[in-house]
Amino acid sequence: MDEKYPIGTFQHEGNISNEQVEKWITQIEELPQQLRQAAGHLTEQQLDTPYRPGGWTVRQVVHHLADSHMNAFIRFKLAMTEERPLIKPYNEGAWARLSDSSLPVEPSLQLIEALHIRLVDVLRSLTHSDRKRVFVHPDSGEVSLGRNIGLYAWHGRHHLAHIKSTI
């Protein structure tokens, strides 16, 4: 198994069907419960175990998911309310070293649960036309909302696999 990409990298080519979008949204909707099942009962020692040599600890991964998915929610809303907004990237590694990344995971588990209720509602409200709206990432260019739904469905499963590989 590839320790860095245990489920592989995000791949999707061509048109994004309604069925594919619904599958991705369901994966996003299920993540909070799956994350709680995987990480909510871990000991402090397990939480402070890196998922791979040189990688983040399980604790940092949980907090990263909260950080990342908050940013994703804002990016979706920006793209829904502005034309081609330029989004601000953030330094994930630096964020993972900030003091809040050593907190208990419960606040981030709760945040992800609440955030995903709102995120899933917004995603399910998107029309086919809305999913073609884009934001502009300074490093990767235009990203459609349809593709971004898939990317964040993958992102949650990707880090869930990291956590599960550690326990």
Foldseek 3Di string as FASTA:
>chain_A
DPLQFPPDAQDDDDDQDPVNLVVLLVLLLCLLVLLCVLPVPDDLVQQCDALDVVHGGVLLLLVLLLVVLVLLLVQLVCLQPDAQAEGDDDDSVVVSPDPVSSDDSVVSSVSSNVSSVVSSVSSVPADPVQQQGWYQYPVPGTDGNSVSSSNSSSSSVRSSVSSNSSD
